[in-house]
N, C-alpha and C. Protein backbone atom coordinates (compact mmCIF):
# COMPACT_ATOMS: atom_id res chain seq x y z
N MET A 1 0.90 -1.28 -0.11
CA MET A 1 -0.07 0.11 0.01
C MET A 1 0.88 1.30 -0.01
N ILE A 2 0.31 2.09 -0.76
CA ILE A 2 1.34 3.62 -0.85
C ILE A 2 0.86 4.44 0.43
N ALA A 3 1.87 4.81 0.99
CA ALA A 3 1.57 5.52 2.36
C ALA A 3 0.86 7.03 1.92
N SER A 4 -0.10 7.39 2.92
CA SER A 4 -0.61 8.59 2.70
C SER A 4 0.22 9.63 3.62
N THR A 5 0.67 10.51 2.86
CA THR A 5 1.63 11.61 3.42
C THR A 5 0.88 12.93 3.34
N PRO A 6 1.49 13.88 4.28
CA PRO A 6 0.83 15.25 4.27
C PRO A 6 1.48 15.97 3.12
N LYS A 7 1.04 17.16 2.86
CA LYS A 7 1.67 18.23 2.15
C LYS A 7 2.98 18.36 2.35
N PRO A 8 4.23 18.40 1.42
CA PRO A 8 5.64 18.53 1.73
C PRO A 8 5.74 20.04 2.38
N PRO A 9 6.74 20.17 3.11
CA PRO A 9 7.97 19.39 3.25
C PRO A 9 7.75 18.23 4.20
N TYR A 10 8.32 17.16 4.28
CA TYR A 10 8.46 16.17 5.32
C TYR A 10 9.81 15.32 4.84
N TYR A 11 10.03 14.47 5.76
CA TYR A 11 11.36 13.63 5.47
C TYR A 11 10.90 12.17 5.02
N ALA A 12 11.81 11.65 4.21
CA ALA A 12 11.84 10.13 3.87
C ALA A 12 13.27 9.64 4.37
N VAL A 13 12.99 8.41 4.97
CA VAL A 13 14.17 7.59 5.42
C VAL A 13 14.17 6.45 4.47
N ILE A 14 15.25 6.10 3.56
CA ILE A 14 15.33 5.15 2.49
C ILE A 14 16.31 4.18 3.11
N PHE A 15 15.85 2.80 3.58
CA PHE A 15 16.58 1.99 3.79
C PHE A 15 16.60 0.69 3.07
N SER A 16 17.89 0.49 2.25
CA SER A 16 17.96 -0.52 1.43
C SER A 16 18.95 -1.66 2.04
N SER A 17 18.42 -2.90 1.67
CA SER A 17 19.38 -3.98 2.28
C SER A 17 19.33 -5.11 1.38
N VAL A 18 20.36 -5.90 1.58
CA VAL A 18 20.65 -7.40 1.11
C VAL A 18 20.69 -8.14 2.43
N ILE A 19 19.67 -9.20 2.30
CA ILE A 19 19.47 -10.09 3.41
C ILE A 19 20.62 -11.16 3.32
N SER A 20 20.97 -11.52 4.75
CA SER A 20 22.08 -12.64 4.79
C SER A 20 21.24 -14.06 4.59
N ASN A 21 22.16 -15.06 4.62
CA ASN A 21 21.68 -16.31 4.67
C ASN A 21 21.01 -16.81 5.81
N ASP A 22 21.11 -15.96 6.98
CA ASP A 22 20.57 -16.54 8.26
C ASP A 22 19.47 -15.45 8.65
N THR A 23 18.24 -15.81 8.23
CA THR A 23 17.02 -15.00 8.58
C THR A 23 16.37 -15.38 9.85
N ASN A 24 16.77 -16.27 10.70
CA ASN A 24 15.87 -16.98 11.82
C ASN A 24 15.64 -15.61 12.58
N GLY A 25 14.47 -15.38 12.97
CA GLY A 25 13.83 -14.38 13.79
C GLY A 25 13.68 -13.02 13.00
N TYR A 26 14.24 -12.83 11.75
CA TYR A 26 14.09 -11.59 10.94
C TYR A 26 12.64 -11.06 10.68
N GLU A 27 11.75 -11.91 10.30
CA GLU A 27 10.38 -11.63 10.05
C GLU A 27 9.62 -11.10 11.14
N ASN A 28 9.80 -11.94 12.45
CA ASN A 28 9.16 -11.62 13.73
C ASN A 28 9.48 -10.25 14.24
N MET A 29 10.83 -10.01 13.98
CA MET A 29 11.40 -8.72 14.54
C MET A 29 10.98 -7.44 13.35
N ALA A 30 10.89 -7.73 12.18
CA ALA A 30 10.50 -6.72 11.26
C ALA A 30 8.87 -6.50 11.67
N ASP A 31 8.15 -7.32 11.87
CA ASP A 31 6.66 -7.15 12.38
C ASP A 31 6.76 -6.27 13.73
N ASN A 32 7.57 -6.70 14.64
CA ASN A 32 7.52 -5.76 15.88
C ASN A 32 7.98 -4.41 15.69
N MET A 33 9.10 -4.31 14.66
CA MET A 33 9.36 -2.85 14.56
C MET A 33 8.40 -2.12 13.83
N VAL A 34 7.26 -2.78 13.01
CA VAL A 34 6.39 -1.99 12.30
C VAL A 34 5.29 -1.32 13.26
N GLU A 35 4.93 -2.27 14.24
CA GLU A 35 4.03 -2.13 15.21
C GLU A 35 4.60 -0.94 16.14
N LEU A 36 5.90 -1.17 16.38
CA LEU A 36 6.43 0.19 17.29
C LEU A 36 6.67 1.44 16.80
N VAL A 37 7.09 1.36 15.44
CA VAL A 37 7.27 2.54 14.70
C VAL A 37 5.93 3.30 14.70
N LYS A 38 4.77 2.57 14.49
CA LYS A 38 3.60 3.21 14.26
C LYS A 38 3.10 4.15 15.42
N LYS A 39 3.77 3.78 16.62
CA LYS A 39 3.53 4.73 17.76
C LYS A 39 4.35 5.77 18.23
N GLN A 40 5.31 5.95 17.34
CA GLN A 40 6.45 6.86 17.54
C GLN A 40 5.91 8.49 17.01
N PRO A 41 6.10 9.32 17.94
CA PRO A 41 5.61 10.55 17.60
C PRO A 41 6.35 11.10 16.05
N GLY A 42 5.98 11.64 15.18
CA GLY A 42 6.35 12.11 14.12
C GLY A 42 6.33 11.28 12.92
N PHE A 43 5.93 9.85 13.06
CA PHE A 43 5.88 8.97 12.22
C PHE A 43 4.74 9.30 11.09
N LEU A 44 4.83 9.20 9.90
CA LEU A 44 3.79 9.42 9.08
C LEU A 44 3.30 8.32 8.29
N GLY A 45 4.12 7.20 8.07
CA GLY A 45 3.85 5.94 7.28
C GLY A 45 5.09 5.31 6.54
N TYR A 46 4.76 4.27 6.06
CA TYR A 46 5.72 3.70 5.33
C TYR A 46 5.43 2.85 3.84
N GLU A 47 6.38 2.43 3.33
CA GLU A 47 6.09 1.41 2.23
C GLU A 47 7.41 0.77 2.19
N SER A 48 7.12 -0.57 1.74
CA SER A 48 8.33 -1.71 1.88
C SER A 48 8.11 -2.56 0.86
N ALA A 49 9.07 -3.21 0.22
CA ALA A 49 9.12 -4.33 -0.78
C ALA A 49 10.46 -4.94 -0.71
N ARG A 50 10.48 -6.16 -0.99
CA ARG A 50 11.61 -7.12 -0.86
C ARG A 50 11.68 -8.11 -2.19
N ASN A 51 12.78 -7.99 -2.65
CA ASN A 51 13.11 -9.02 -3.79
C ASN A 51 14.76 -9.39 -3.48
N ALA A 52 15.48 -9.06 -4.38
CA ALA A 52 17.06 -9.31 -4.19
C ALA A 52 17.65 -8.37 -3.34
N ILE A 53 16.80 -7.13 -3.26
CA ILE A 53 17.15 -6.09 -2.49
C ILE A 53 15.93 -5.56 -1.90
N GLY A 54 16.01 -5.37 -0.45
CA GLY A 54 14.88 -4.83 0.24
C GLY A 54 14.61 -3.24 0.33
N ILE A 55 13.66 -2.82 0.08
CA ILE A 55 13.83 -1.20 0.20
C ILE A 55 12.65 -0.74 1.00
N THR A 56 12.85 -0.17 2.34
CA THR A 56 11.62 0.45 3.04
C THR A 56 11.91 1.82 3.05
N VAL A 57 10.93 2.63 2.94
CA VAL A 57 10.95 4.10 2.79
C VAL A 57 9.81 4.38 4.05
N SER A 58 10.33 5.11 5.15
CA SER A 58 9.59 5.53 6.12
C SER A 58 9.65 7.04 6.08
N TYR A 59 8.33 7.73 6.42
CA TYR A 59 8.03 9.09 6.14
C TYR A 59 7.94 9.80 7.56
N TRP A 60 8.37 10.96 7.74
CA TRP A 60 8.59 11.44 9.17
C TRP A 60 8.17 12.98 9.05
N ASP A 61 7.81 13.79 10.21
CA ASP A 61 7.54 14.94 9.96
C ASP A 61 8.69 15.78 10.46
N SER A 62 9.67 15.38 10.79
CA SER A 62 11.30 16.15 11.26
C SER A 62 12.37 15.21 11.48
N LEU A 63 13.45 16.00 11.39
CA LEU A 63 14.70 15.17 11.50
C LEU A 63 14.70 14.67 13.02
N GLU A 64 14.21 15.50 13.99
CA GLU A 64 14.14 15.31 15.45
C GLU A 64 13.53 13.79 15.52
N ALA A 65 12.38 13.55 14.87
CA ALA A 65 11.42 12.53 15.10
C ALA A 65 12.30 11.03 14.52
N ILE A 66 13.20 11.47 13.43
CA ILE A 66 13.82 10.44 12.84
C ILE A 66 15.06 9.96 13.73
N LYS A 67 15.69 10.90 14.35
CA LYS A 67 16.70 10.69 15.56
C LYS A 67 16.05 9.95 16.53
N ASN A 68 15.13 10.44 17.16
CA ASN A 68 14.35 9.80 18.24
C ASN A 68 14.07 8.44 18.06
N TRP A 69 13.46 8.00 16.80
CA TRP A 69 13.33 6.58 16.51
C TRP A 69 14.42 5.64 16.44
N LYS A 70 15.77 6.48 15.95
CA LYS A 70 16.83 5.41 15.84
C LYS A 70 17.43 5.15 17.32
N LEU A 71 16.95 6.02 18.18
CA LEU A 71 17.42 5.79 19.42
C LEU A 71 16.46 4.91 20.36
N VAL A 72 15.28 4.38 19.94
CA VAL A 72 14.34 3.63 20.80
C VAL A 72 15.16 2.43 21.15
N SER A 73 14.79 1.97 22.40
CA SER A 73 15.87 0.77 22.82
C SER A 73 15.47 -0.58 21.89
N GLU A 74 14.36 -0.83 21.69
CA GLU A 74 13.82 -1.91 21.02
C GLU A 74 14.52 -1.97 19.61
N HIS A 75 14.32 -0.77 19.03
CA HIS A 75 15.04 -0.57 17.59
C HIS A 75 16.50 -0.48 17.59
N LEU A 76 17.24 -0.14 18.52
CA LEU A 76 18.64 -0.35 18.87
C LEU A 76 18.90 -1.96 18.65
N VAL A 77 18.22 -2.68 19.49
CA VAL A 77 18.30 -4.18 19.50
C VAL A 77 18.32 -4.70 17.84
N ALA A 78 17.13 -4.20 17.25
CA ALA A 78 16.96 -4.86 15.95
C ALA A 78 17.99 -4.33 15.09
N GLN A 79 18.62 -2.90 15.06
CA GLN A 79 19.69 -2.53 14.39
C GLN A 79 21.05 -3.41 14.53
N GLN A 80 21.25 -3.88 15.79
CA GLN A 80 22.36 -4.67 16.10
C GLN A 80 22.24 -6.06 15.84
N MET A 81 21.00 -6.61 15.82
CA MET A 81 20.62 -7.92 15.11
C MET A 81 20.82 -7.91 13.51
N GLY A 82 20.38 -6.86 12.97
CA GLY A 82 20.98 -6.64 11.55
C GLY A 82 22.09 -6.52 11.12
N LYS A 83 23.02 -5.98 11.83
CA LYS A 83 24.42 -5.87 11.55
C LYS A 83 25.15 -7.31 11.94
N ASP A 84 24.76 -7.91 13.02
CA ASP A 84 25.50 -9.01 13.46
C ASP A 84 24.88 -10.36 12.53
N LYS A 85 23.46 -10.31 12.13
CA LYS A 85 23.00 -11.57 11.70
C LYS A 85 22.28 -11.46 10.47
N TRP A 86 21.34 -10.65 10.18
CA TRP A 86 20.36 -10.52 9.19
C TRP A 86 20.69 -9.98 7.68
N TYR A 87 21.58 -9.09 7.73
CA TYR A 87 21.99 -8.30 6.64
C TYR A 87 23.50 -8.40 6.30
N ALA A 88 23.39 -8.84 4.80
CA ALA A 88 24.74 -8.83 4.25
C ALA A 88 25.21 -7.44 4.02
N SER A 89 24.42 -6.50 3.71
CA SER A 89 24.83 -5.11 3.71
C SER A 89 23.33 -4.41 3.65
N TYR A 90 23.55 -2.97 4.02
CA TYR A 90 22.53 -2.08 3.90
C TYR A 90 23.00 -0.68 3.92
N LYS A 91 22.19 0.25 3.56
CA LYS A 91 22.46 1.58 3.49
C LYS A 91 21.12 2.36 3.97
N THR A 92 21.41 3.44 4.65
CA THR A 92 20.16 4.22 5.00
C THR A 92 20.46 5.65 4.33
N ARG A 93 19.37 6.37 3.83
CA ARG A 93 19.51 7.62 3.28
C ARG A 93 18.31 8.45 3.75
N ILE A 94 18.71 9.57 4.14
CA ILE A 94 17.57 10.59 4.70
C ILE A 94 17.49 11.64 3.79
N CYS A 95 16.27 11.91 3.46
CA CYS A 95 15.90 12.83 2.47
C CYS A 95 14.79 14.06 2.66
N LEU A 96 14.77 15.17 2.39
CA LEU A 96 13.91 16.07 2.42
C LEU A 96 12.91 15.97 1.34
N VAL A 97 11.54 15.75 1.43
CA VAL A 97 10.61 15.55 0.22
C VAL A 97 10.09 17.19 0.15
N GLU A 98 10.31 17.69 -0.93
CA GLU A 98 9.99 18.86 -1.37
C GLU A 98 8.57 18.92 -2.11
N ARG A 99 8.39 17.70 -2.79
CA ARG A 99 7.35 17.79 -3.82
C ARG A 99 6.94 16.37 -3.83
N ASP A 100 5.54 16.00 -4.02
CA ASP A 100 5.07 14.82 -4.17
C ASP A 100 3.59 14.85 -5.00
N TYR A 101 3.56 13.93 -5.86
CA TYR A 101 2.26 13.96 -6.43
C TYR A 101 1.98 12.33 -6.86
N GLY A 102 1.07 12.17 -7.51
CA GLY A 102 0.42 10.84 -7.71
C GLY A 102 -0.66 10.45 -8.29
N PHE A 103 -1.07 9.40 -8.71
CA PHE A 103 -2.40 8.82 -9.27
C PHE A 103 -2.99 7.64 -8.60
N ASP A 104 -4.16 7.62 -8.38
CA ASP A 104 -4.78 6.56 -7.84
C ASP A 104 -6.41 6.16 -8.69
N SER A 105 -6.27 5.11 -9.47
CA SER A 105 -7.22 4.64 -10.07
C SER A 105 -8.61 4.50 -9.35
N SER A 106 -8.43 4.12 -8.07
CA SER A 106 -9.59 3.73 -7.33
C SER A 106 -10.30 4.66 -6.93
N VAL A 107 -10.04 6.17 -7.04
CA VAL A 107 -10.44 7.31 -6.88
C VAL A 107 -11.86 7.65 -7.84
N PHE A 108 -11.48 6.92 -9.07
CA PHE A 108 -12.51 7.40 -10.22
C PHE A 108 -13.68 6.32 -10.32
């Protein structure tokens, strides 16, 4: 599902990853992180897809909200597990969204 976001400006965190061979516990942790992030102040929504490369884009109302999410204790555990076990590689990018537009055929 495409996230519903407010009128720009807002921020996007793009997390791209390549999964390792050891994914034991990964799906459960990912589900837990989704439930936890939805409760974070400043969180606006997310979109995620995984094939050879996983890409998750989360949307935030401020850089401070992004920083605060990065420091949530449960998220810190997930980050360390990702480094130690689940990811062969990853990259995080933080962007300012200055413009957005789209199309939704279900509106017609």
